[in-house]
Amino acid sequence: CDAGTRVEVTRDIISWIYDTTRGSQNFLWLTGDPGCGKSTITASIARDCKDKHILWAQFFINRKNDETTKPNSYFPSIARQFSDRSPDVQRAVYESLVEQPSLMDGISIFQATKLFVEAIGVASSLDRDSPVVVIIDALDE
């Protein structure tokens, strides 16, 4: 976000990200009218996660590009980003692929979900006091 804009909502989201206590909400759905700045906010959150070395992944769904609207597209992308940022996740995803090489061939929603669940499971168990963030922008499109 530009300096001084959307400060309160960005601060609230970052505060939510760092609330890793038991009973805290695990999901945040940011809604608003088209063009109100949701994508700008999510980009700011992703940048903040990167700057603070929080394990994160981001995927942007573009309704004009059918490939981005399919979970068998964005789940592997998220798993790949986690793998790129964490050797432990990379090892787990690699082991899944060795165990089941067909995960890379014409990936189905089941296979994509398996990769995602494996990656997010390992990522979230690395450090219970450190957040893991997945940003899916424009999921409602």
Foldseek 3Di string as FASTA:
>chain_A
DPPPPPVVVLVVVVVLQQPLDPPRDPDDDDDDDPPPCPVVSVVVNVVVCVVVVAAEAEAEADPVDVLSLDLLRVLVRRLVSSVVSDVQSVVQLVVVCVVPVCLPPPHDNVSSVVSNCSSVVRSCPPDSSTGYYYYYHPNVD
